[in-house]
Amino acid sequence: MTDEQIKQKILLEKYSMQLSYVKDVDESLKTLHKIRHDFKNHLLIIDGYASKNEYDRQREYIQKLNDELGATKIYDTSNNLVSSILNTKNAVCEKHDVILNVNY
């Protein structure tokens, strides 16, 4: 393989990595938008219960949300980039019913 071919191969790999990164960022933004939308709806429901003095239903709803949040696996390492990659890949795995095992 010539030096020029090696340079071309490296450039193609770099470009592929950049495309993958852009795709991951796009997915993260879509997820953030969905979370924001869902959060606003949850607040409206909680406010609706409060305005009707339905405090027991309000507490039940909040407890249900807490339970759902507790079931969500979040990877938090000392390296933000590693955490981001793990959480992105975990979301893909969950979407396809694949179990991701991570030891850190």
Protein backbone atom coordinates (compact mmCIF):
# COMPACT_ATOMS: atom_id res chain seq x y z
CA MET A 1 0.00 0.00 0.00
CA THR A 2 1.40 3.42 -0.93
CA ASP A 3 1.64 6.41 1.37
CA GLU A 4 -1.13 8.09 -0.61
CA GLN A 5 -3.42 5.07 -0.19
CA ILE A 6 -2.72 5.00 3.53
CA LYS A 7 -3.56 8.71 3.82
CA GLN A 8 -6.79 8.15 1.87
CA LYS A 9 -7.75 5.24 4.12
CA ILE A 10 -7.10 7.31 7.25
CA LEU A 11 -9.17 10.19 5.86
CA LEU A 12 -12.06 7.84 5.03
CA GLU A 13 -11.97 6.34 8.53
CA LYS A 14 -11.88 9.81 10.08
CA TYR A 15 -14.83 10.90 7.93
CA SER A 16 -16.77 7.79 8.92
CA MET A 17 -16.11 8.49 12.59
CA GLN A 18 -17.29 12.09 12.16
CA LEU A 19 -20.50 10.91 10.48
CA SER A 20 -21.11 8.50 13.34
CA TYR A 21 -20.54 11.30 15.86
CA VAL A 22 -22.98 13.62 14.06
CA LYS A 23 -25.56 10.83 14.00
CA ASP A 24 -25.11 10.24 17.76
CA VAL A 25 -25.48 13.97 18.49
CA ASP A 26 -28.62 14.11 16.35
CA GLU A 27 -30.10 11.16 18.24
CA SER A 28 -29.23 12.82 21.54
CA LEU A 29 -30.98 16.03 20.48
CA LYS A 30 -34.08 14.10 19.42
CA THR A 31 -34.10 12.29 22.75
CA LEU A 32 -33.69 15.56 24.64
CA HIS A 33 -36.60 17.09 22.70
CA LYS A 34 -38.80 14.09 23.56
CA ILE A 35 -37.80 14.23 27.24
CA ARG A 36 -38.58 17.96 27.37
CA HIS A 37 -41.99 17.37 25.76
CA ASP A 38 -42.79 14.52 28.16
CA PHE A 39 -41.63 16.56 31.16
CA LYS A 40 -43.95 19.42 30.26
CA ASN A 41 -46.86 16.98 29.97
CA HIS A 42 -46.03 15.42 33.34
CA LEU A 43 -46.03 18.87 34.94
CA LEU A 44 -49.44 19.62 33.41
CA ILE A 45 -50.86 16.39 34.82
CA ILE A 46 -49.40 17.06 38.28
CA ASP A 47 -50.72 20.63 38.20
CA GLY A 48 -54.15 19.32 37.17
CA TYR A 49 -54.26 17.03 40.21
CA ALA A 50 -53.11 19.89 42.47
CA SER A 51 -55.73 22.29 41.12
CA LYS A 52 -58.46 19.72 41.89
CA ASN A 53 -57.02 19.05 45.35
CA GLU A 54 -56.42 15.42 44.31
CA TYR A 55 -53.24 15.13 46.34
CA ASP A 56 -53.34 11.34 46.66
CA ARG A 57 -53.51 10.97 42.87
CA GLN A 58 -50.77 13.56 42.56
CA ARG A 59 -48.50 11.61 44.92
CA GLU A 60 -49.30 8.32 43.13
CA TYR A 61 -48.41 9.89 39.79
CA ILE A 62 -45.13 11.27 41.14
CA GLN A 63 -44.29 7.86 42.67
CA LYS A 64 -44.98 6.18 39.30
CA LEU A 65 -42.62 8.63 37.59
CA ASN A 66 -39.95 7.95 40.23
CA ASP A 67 -40.29 4.21 39.71
CA GLU A 68 -39.92 4.61 35.94
CA LEU A 69 -36.85 6.81 36.38
CA GLY A 70 -35.31 4.29 38.75
CA ALA A 71 -35.69 1.56 36.13
CA THR A 72 -33.66 3.56 33.59
CA LYS A 73 -29.98 2.62 33.55
CA ILE A 74 -27.62 5.60 33.41
CA TYR A 75 -23.87 5.12 33.06
CA ASP A 76 -21.85 7.73 34.93
CA THR A 77 -18.09 7.36 34.72
CA SER A 78 -15.35 9.81 35.60
CA ASN A 79 -14.97 10.53 31.87
CA ASN A 80 -17.84 12.49 30.28
CA LEU A 81 -17.03 11.23 26.79
CA VAL A 82 -17.06 7.60 27.93
CA SER A 83 -20.33 8.18 29.82
CA SER A 84 -21.90 9.77 26.76
CA ILE A 85 -20.85 6.90 24.50
CA LEU A 86 -22.08 4.27 26.95
CA ASN A 87 -25.45 5.96 27.40
CA THR A 88 -25.89 6.45 23.66
CA LYS A 89 -25.05 2.82 22.93
CA ASN A 90 -27.24 1.65 25.80
CA ALA A 91 -30.20 3.54 24.32
CA VAL A 92 -29.61 1.78 20.99
CA CYS A 93 -29.39 -1.58 22.77
CA GLU A 94 -32.63 -0.97 24.68
CA LYS A 95 -34.36 0.03 21.45
CA HIS A 96 -33.40 -3.33 19.92
CA ASP A 97 -33.94 -5.42 23.08
CA VAL A 98 -30.22 -6.10 23.48
CA ILE A 99 -28.66 -6.32 26.93
CA LEU A 100 -25.54 -4.20 27.38
CA ASN A 101 -23.14 -5.42 30.07
CA VAL A 102 -20.53 -2.90 31.18
CA ASN A 103 -17.86 -3.33 33.83
CA TYR A 104 -16.16 -0.15 35.03
